[in-house]
Amino acid sequence: MKPDFDIAFLKTMKNEGGYSNRKNDVGGETVWGISRVYHPGWSGWAEIDRLKKDFPGFYIERVKAPTSKLFEMIKLFYREQFWNRFLGDMLTDQRLANEIFDTAVNMGVVRAVSFLQRSLNCLNRDQALYPDIVEDGVMGGKTLNALKALPFKDYEVLLKMMNVLQGMHCMDFMKKSSVQEENARGWFARVEIGKS
């Protein structure tokens, strides 16, 4: 069964909702997880700037409960920038789609897909189920074929492996920058998001 983008999106938005502009956040001004630093061309910034102008002092509350127009812009951004890039509609498991989507939003599509590929390579029973795939972070035919060949009973282990990789990446990042330690609770709340 084809996974539902809306389910993955709403699950991830529990971690990304609202407005943030913290001094130590390298993403700077962020609305529903969309960073102005990393995505300055997002069309929603014009709407945010309009809200700032029209509702000084109150625009943050309006961002927390976005208008339907802004909400649709946010959804479209996430579908185009994340879901479509890892071919979310071609997956067959909602938990896996949730996991890849949330990790992609948090750490980038390439890293999320490479976690999947690395985990798949560890589960192919010494290439008896499918050949090793290149861990390039690009979702393509070989990765999709490996997913199809993986027995469904192994999906639980696949998700755990991906979460271990995600957690280790967070810890390595925190070791490099003590400033990022304050983000630890938020990052680790996302581990195991694939669970339904």
C-alpha atoms as a PDB file:
ATOM      1  CA  MET A   1       0.000   0.000   0.000  1.00  0.00           C
ATOM      2  CA  LYS A   2       1.274   3.432  -0.947  1.00  0.00           C
ATOM      3  CA  PRO A   3       2.250   5.570   2.079  1.00  0.00           C
ATOM      4  CA  ASP A   4       0.339   8.760   2.801  1.00  0.00           C
ATOM      5  CA  PHE A   5       2.382  11.964   2.662  1.00  0.00           C
ATOM      6  CA  ASP A   6      -0.026  13.731   5.018  1.00  0.00           C
ATOM      7  CA  ILE A   7       0.581  11.172   7.781  1.00  0.00           C
ATOM      8  CA  ALA A   8       4.370  11.599   7.569  1.00  0.00           C
ATOM      9  CA  PHE A   9       4.058  15.377   7.264  1.00  0.00           C
ATOM     10  CA  LEU A  10       1.821  15.808  10.327  1.00  0.00           C
ATOM     11  CA  LYS A  11       4.015  13.485  12.394  1.00  0.00           C
ATOM     12  CA  THR A  12       7.125  15.509  11.547  1.00  0.00           C
ATOM     13  CA  MET A  13       5.383  18.847  12.083  1.00  0.00           C
ATOM     14  CA  LYS A  14       4.977  17.945  15.768  1.00  0.00           C
ATOM     15  CA  ASN A  15       8.750  18.529  15.943  1.00  0.00           C
ATOM     16  CA  GLU A  16       8.930  21.400  13.468  1.00  0.00           C
ATOM     17  CA  GLY A  17       5.851  23.506  14.231  1.00  0.00           C
ATOM     18  CA  GLY A  18       5.828  27.195  14.919  1.00  0.00           C
ATOM     19  CA  TYR A  19       8.399  29.938  14.733  1.00  0.00           C
ATOM     20  CA  SER A  20      11.990  30.067  15.957  1.00  0.00           C
ATOM     21  CA  ASN A  21      14.805  32.571  15.739  1.00  0.00           C
ATOM     22  CA  ARG A  22      17.326  31.407  18.370  1.00  0.00           C
ATOM     23  CA  LYS A  23      20.812  32.902  18.555  1.00  0.00           C
ATOM     24  CA  ASN A  24      22.627  29.530  18.542  1.00  0.00           C
ATOM     25  CA  ASP A  25      20.551  27.983  15.767  1.00  0.00           C
ATOM     26  CA  VAL A  26      22.623  27.921  12.572  1.00  0.00           C
ATOM     27  CA  GLY A  27      19.360  27.921  10.582  1.00  0.00           C
ATOM     28  CA  GLY A  28      18.479  31.377  11.859  1.00  0.00           C
ATOM     29  CA  GLU A  29      14.858  32.410  11.416  1.00  0.00           C
ATOM     30  CA  THR A  30      12.808  29.261  11.010  1.00  0.00           C
ATOM     31  CA  VAL A  31       9.110  28.781  10.313  1.00  0.00           C
ATOM     32  CA  TRP A  32       7.656  25.288  10.661  1.00  0.00           C
ATOM     33  CA  GLY A  33      11.182  23.903  10.203  1.00  0.00           C
ATOM     34  CA  ILE A  34      11.903  25.933   7.064  1.00  0.00           C
ATOM     35  CA  SER A  35      15.101  27.903   7.602  1.00  0.00           C
ATOM     36  CA  ARG A  36      15.541  31.276   5.933  1.00  0.00           C
ATOM     37  CA  VAL A  37      19.309  30.633   5.873  1.00  0.00           C
ATOM     38  CA  TYR A  38      19.000  27.321   4.000  1.00  0.00           C
ATOM     39  CA  HIS A  39      15.870  28.080   1.969  1.00  0.00           C
ATOM     40  CA  PRO A  40      15.897  31.839   1.301  1.00  0.00           C
ATOM     41  CA  GLY A  41      13.974  31.387  -1.971  1.00  0.00           C
ATOM     42  CA  TRP A  42      10.917  29.727  -0.386  1.00  0.00           C
ATOM     43  CA  SER A  43       7.820  31.600  -1.528  1.00  0.00           C
ATOM     44  CA  GLY A  44       6.384  31.515   2.001  1.00  0.00           C
ATOM     45  CA  TRP A  45       8.893  34.087   3.231  1.00  0.00           C
ATOM     46  CA  ALA A  46       6.917  36.813   1.440  1.00  0.00           C
ATOM     47  CA  GLU A  47       3.849  35.769   3.441  1.00  0.00           C
ATOM     48  CA  ILE A  48       5.869  35.722   6.696  1.00  0.00           C
ATOM     49  CA  ASP A  49       7.250  39.187   5.973  1.00  0.00           C
ATOM     50  CA  ARG A  50       3.697  40.422   5.252  1.00  0.00           C
ATOM     51  CA  LEU A  51       2.518  39.018   8.597  1.00  0.00           C
ATOM     52  CA  LYS A  52       5.410  40.774  10.370  1.00  0.00           C
ATOM     53  CA  LYS A  53       4.433  44.058   8.743  1.00  0.00           C
ATOM     54  CA  ASP A  54       0.665  43.753   9.169  1.00  0.00           C
ATOM     55  CA  PHE A  55       0.699  42.268  12.675  1.00  0.00           C
ATOM     56  CA  PRO A  56       3.786  43.589  14.507  1.00  0.00           C
ATOM     57  CA  GLY A  57       4.230  41.809  17.795  1.00  0.00           C
ATOM     58  CA  PHE A  58       1.537  39.251  16.980  1.00  0.00           C
ATOM     59  CA  TYR A  59       2.779  37.615  13.803  1.00  0.00           C
ATOM     60  CA  ILE A  60       4.465  34.769  15.708  1.00  0.00           C
ATOM     61  CA  GLU A  61       1.067  33.634  17.005  1.00  0.00           C
ATOM     62  CA  ARG A  62      -0.277  33.775  13.457  1.00  0.00           C
ATOM     63  CA  VAL A  63       2.619  31.609  12.270  1.00  0.00           C
ATOM     64  CA  LYS A  64       1.962  29.055  15.034  1.00  0.00           C
ATOM     65  CA  ALA A  65      -1.588  28.718  13.692  1.00  0.00           C
ATOM     66  CA  PRO A  66      -0.921  29.391  10.000  1.00  0.00           C
ATOM     67  CA  THR A  67      -3.552  30.566   7.587  1.00  0.00           C
ATOM     68  CA  SER A  68      -4.693  27.921   5.109  1.00  0.00           C
ATOM     69  CA  LYS A  69      -2.653  29.715   2.424  1.00  0.00           C
ATOM     70  CA  LEU A  70       0.557  29.547   4.492  1.00  0.00           C
ATOM     71  CA  PHE A  71      -0.173  25.963   5.593  1.00  0.00           C
ATOM     72  CA  GLU A  72      -0.532  24.850   1.951  1.00  0.00           C
ATOM     73  CA  MET A  73       2.744  26.604   1.075  1.00  0.00           C
ATOM     74  CA  ILE A  74       4.462  24.743   3.936  1.00  0.00           C
ATOM     75  CA  LYS A  75       3.019  21.392   2.828  1.00  0.00           C
ATOM     76  CA  LEU A  76       4.034  21.956  -0.799  1.00  0.00           C
ATOM     77  CA  PHE A  77       7.566  22.863   0.274  1.00  0.00           C
ATOM     78  CA  TYR A  78       7.956  19.647   2.277  1.00  0.00           C
ATOM     79  CA  ARG A  79       6.480  17.474  -0.478  1.00  0.00           C
ATOM     80  CA  GLU A  80       8.766  18.954  -3.156  1.00  0.00           C
ATOM     81  CA  GLN A  81      11.968  19.317  -1.137  1.00  0.00           C
ATOM     82  CA  PHE A  82      11.853  16.035   0.802  1.00  0.00           C
ATOM     83  CA  TRP A  83       9.088  13.511   0.023  1.00  0.00           C
ATOM     84  CA  ASN A  84       9.441  13.653  -3.766  1.00  0.00           C
ATOM     85  CA  ARG A  85      13.249  13.564  -3.617  1.00  0.00           C
ATOM     86  CA  PHE A  86      13.271  10.183  -1.856  1.00  0.00           C
ATOM     87  CA  LEU A  87      10.361   8.897  -3.984  1.00  0.00           C
ATOM     88  CA  GLY A  88       8.022   8.603  -1.013  1.00  0.00           C
ATOM     89  CA  ASP A  89       5.067   7.635  -3.200  1.00  0.00           C
ATOM     90  CA  MET A  90       6.984   4.573  -4.431  1.00  0.00           C
ATOM     91  CA  LEU A  91       7.503   3.078  -0.965  1.00  0.00           C
ATOM     92  CA  THR A  92       5.128   0.462   0.417  1.00  0.00           C
ATOM     93  CA  ASP A  93       5.446   0.926   4.184  1.00  0.00           C
ATOM     94  CA  GLN A  94       4.134   3.945   6.102  1.00  0.00           C
ATOM     95  CA  ARG A  95       6.559   3.485   9.012  1.00  0.00           C
ATOM     96  CA  LEU A  96       9.538   3.524   6.659  1.00  0.00           C
ATOM     97  CA  ALA A  97       8.172   6.550   4.809  1.00  0.00           C
ATOM     98  CA  ASN A  98       7.686   8.362   8.138  1.00  0.00           C
ATOM     99  CA  GLU A  99      11.246   7.541   9.183  1.00  0.00           C
ATOM    100  CA  ILE A 100      12.929   8.589   5.942  1.00  0.00           C
ATOM    101  CA  PHE A 101      10.829  11.759   5.722  1.00  0.00           C
ATOM    102  CA  ASP A 102      11.542  12.917   9.257  1.00  0.00           C
ATOM    103  CA  THR A 103      15.256  12.110   9.025  1.00  0.00           C
ATOM    104  CA  ALA A 104      15.425  13.893   5.658  1.00  0.00           C
ATOM    105  CA  VAL A 105      13.799  16.995   7.137  1.00  0.00           C
ATOM    106  CA  ASN A 106      16.128  16.908  10.137  1.00  0.00           C
ATOM    107  CA  MET A 107      19.397  15.895   8.427  1.00  0.00           C
ATOM    108  CA  GLY A 108      18.897  16.122   4.674  1.00  0.00           C
ATOM    109  CA  VAL A 109      17.607  13.724   2.034  1.00  0.00           C
ATOM    110  CA  VAL A 110      21.043  12.373   1.090  1.00  0.00           C
ATOM    111  CA  ARG A 111      21.875  11.426   4.675  1.00  0.00           C
ATOM    112  CA  ALA A 112      18.430   9.861   5.270  1.00  0.00           C
ATOM    113  CA  VAL A 113      18.658   7.722   2.136  1.00  0.00           C
ATOM    114  CA  SER A 114      22.258   6.754   2.868  1.00  0.00           C
ATOM    115  CA  PHE A 115      21.134   5.523   6.324  1.00  0.00           C
ATOM    116  CA  LEU A 116      18.534   3.393   4.522  1.00  0.00           C
ATOM    117  CA  GLN A 117      21.084   2.067   2.019  1.00  0.00           C
ATOM    118  CA  ARG A 118      23.669   1.254   4.678  1.00  0.00           C
ATOM    119  CA  SER A 119      21.043  -0.606   6.699  1.00  0.00           C
ATOM    120  CA  LEU A 120      19.803  -2.502   3.650  1.00  0.00           C
ATOM    121  CA  ASN A 121      23.355  -3.617   2.887  1.00  0.00           C
ATOM    122  CA  CYS A 122      23.622  -5.054   6.401  1.00  0.00           C
ATOM    123  CA  LEU A 123      20.400  -7.037   5.943  1.00  0.00           C
ATOM    124  CA  ASN A 124      20.941  -8.683   2.540  1.00  0.00           C
ATOM    125  CA  ARG A 125      22.276 -11.947   4.029  1.00  0.00           C
ATOM    126  CA  ASP A 126      25.682 -11.619   2.386  1.00  0.00           C
ATOM    127  CA  GLN A 127      24.028 -10.593  -0.890  1.00  0.00           C
ATOM    128  CA  ALA A 128      21.756 -13.675  -1.027  1.00  0.00           C
ATOM    129  CA  LEU A 129      18.598 -11.494  -1.055  1.00  0.00           C
ATOM    130  CA  TYR A 130      19.919  -8.704  -3.273  1.00  0.00           C
ATOM    131  CA  PRO A 131      23.325  -7.281  -4.212  1.00  0.00           C
ATOM    132  CA  ASP A 132      24.926  -4.563  -2.117  1.00  0.00           C
ATOM    133  CA  ILE A 133      23.836  -1.122  -3.216  1.00  0.00           C
ATOM    134  CA  VAL A 134      25.974   1.980  -3.465  1.00  0.00           C
ATOM    135  CA  GLU A 135      25.502   4.128  -0.355  1.00  0.00           C
ATOM    136  CA  ASP A 136      25.247   7.373  -2.320  1.00  0.00           C
ATOM    137  CA  GLY A 137      22.138   8.823  -0.665  1.00  0.00           C
ATOM    138  CA  VAL A 138      20.177   8.786  -3.924  1.00  0.00           C
ATOM    139  CA  MET A 139      16.916   6.843  -3.983  1.00  0.00           C
ATOM    140  CA  GLY A 140      16.882   4.909  -7.238  1.00  0.00           C
ATOM    141  CA  GLY A 141      15.892   1.621  -8.784  1.00  0.00           C
ATOM    142  CA  LYS A 142      18.482  -0.511  -6.978  1.00  0.00           C
ATOM    143  CA  THR A 143      17.498   0.830  -3.560  1.00  0.00           C
ATOM    144  CA  LEU A 144      13.795   0.359  -4.325  1.00  0.00           C
ATOM    145  CA  ASN A 145      14.461  -3.179  -5.583  1.00  0.00           C
ATOM    146  CA  ALA A 146      16.389  -3.983  -2.406  1.00  0.00           C
ATOM    147  CA  LEU A 147      13.426  -2.777  -0.346  1.00  0.00           C
ATOM    148  CA  LYS A 148      11.097  -5.027  -2.350  1.00  0.00           C
ATOM    149  CA  ALA A 149      13.406  -8.017  -1.838  1.00  0.00           C
ATOM    150  CA  LEU A 150      13.761  -7.444   1.911  1.00  0.00           C
ATOM    151  CA  PRO A 151      11.302  -9.677   3.796  1.00  0.00           C
ATOM    152  CA  PHE A 152       8.632  -7.597   5.517  1.00  0.00           C
ATOM    153  CA  LYS A 153       9.510  -9.212   8.859  1.00  0.00           C
ATOM    154  CA  ASP A 154      12.937  -7.511   8.591  1.00  0.00           C
ATOM    155  CA  TYR A 155      11.459  -4.009   8.338  1.00  0.00           C
ATOM    156  CA  GLU A 156      11.429  -3.637  12.126  1.00  0.00           C
ATOM    157  CA  VAL A 157      15.183  -4.306  12.220  1.00  0.00           C
ATOM    158  CA  LEU A 158      15.700  -1.968   9.251  1.00  0.00           C
ATOM    159  CA  LEU A 159      13.981   0.850  11.140  1.00  0.00           C
ATOM    160  CA  LYS A 160      16.050   0.183  14.270  1.00  0.00           C
ATOM    161  CA  MET A 161      19.289   0.258  12.275  1.00  0.00           C
ATOM    162  CA  MET A 162      18.323   3.550  10.661  1.00  0.00           C
ATOM    163  CA  ASN A 163      17.537   5.001  14.095  1.00  0.00           C
ATOM    164  CA  VAL A 164      20.905   3.867  15.463  1.00  0.00           C
ATOM    165  CA  LEU A 165      22.641   5.644  12.571  1.00  0.00           C
ATOM    166  CA  GLN A 166      20.543   8.757  13.153  1.00  0.00           C
ATOM    167  CA  GLY A 167      21.342   8.764  16.873  1.00  0.00           C
ATOM    168  CA  MET A 168      25.062   8.249  16.288  1.00  0.00           C
ATOM    169  CA  HIS A 169      25.098  11.115  13.793  1.00  0.00           C
ATOM    170  CA  CYS A 170      23.477  13.392  16.392  1.00  0.00           C
ATOM    171  CA  MET A 171      26.004  12.406  19.035  1.00  0.00           C
ATOM    172  CA  ASP A 172      28.940  12.972  16.662  1.00  0.00           C
ATOM    173  CA  PHE A 173      27.558  16.398  15.762  1.00  0.00           C
ATOM    174  CA  MET A 174      27.152  17.286  19.440  1.00  0.00           C
ATOM    175  CA  LYS A 175      30.758  16.238  20.160  1.00  0.00           C
ATOM    176  CA  LYS A 176      32.002  18.634  17.475  1.00  0.00           C
ATOM    177  CA  SER A 177      30.089  21.600  18.865  1.00  0.00           C
ATOM    178  CA  SER A 178      29.095  21.974  22.503  1.00  0.00           C
ATOM    179  CA  VAL A 179      26.700  24.746  21.453  1.00  0.00           C
ATOM    180  CA  GLN A 180      24.627  22.049  19.732  1.00  0.00           C
ATOM    181  CA  GLU A 181      24.184  20.094  22.969  1.00  0.00           C
ATOM    182  CA  GLU A 182      21.114  22.191  23.734  1.00  0.00           C
ATOM    183  CA  ASN A 183      19.442  20.618  20.691  1.00  0.00           C
ATOM    184  CA  ALA A 184      19.947  17.063  21.957  1.00  0.00           C
ATOM    185  CA  ARG A 185      16.495  16.586  23.474  1.00  0.00           C
ATOM    186  CA  GLY A 186      14.779  17.717  20.305  1.00  0.00           C
ATOM    187  CA  TRP A 187      16.977  15.591  18.076  1.00  0.00           C
ATOM    188  CA  PHE A 188      16.567  12.464  20.151  1.00  0.00           C
ATOM    189  CA  ALA A 189      12.810  12.941  20.342  1.00  0.00           C
ATOM    190  CA  ARG A 190      12.895  12.237  16.605  1.00  0.00           C
ATOM    191  CA  VAL A 191      14.636   8.894  16.885  1.00  0.00           C
ATOM    192  CA  GLU A 192      12.092   6.138  16.244  1.00  0.00           C
ATOM    193  CA  ILE A 193       9.605   8.481  14.628  1.00  0.00           C
ATOM    194  CA  GLY A 194       8.863   5.767  12.052  1.00  0.00           C
ATOM    195  CA  LYS A 195       6.898   3.834  14.643  1.00  0.00           C
ATOM    196  CA  SER A 196       3.188   4.146  14.114  1.00  0.00           C
END
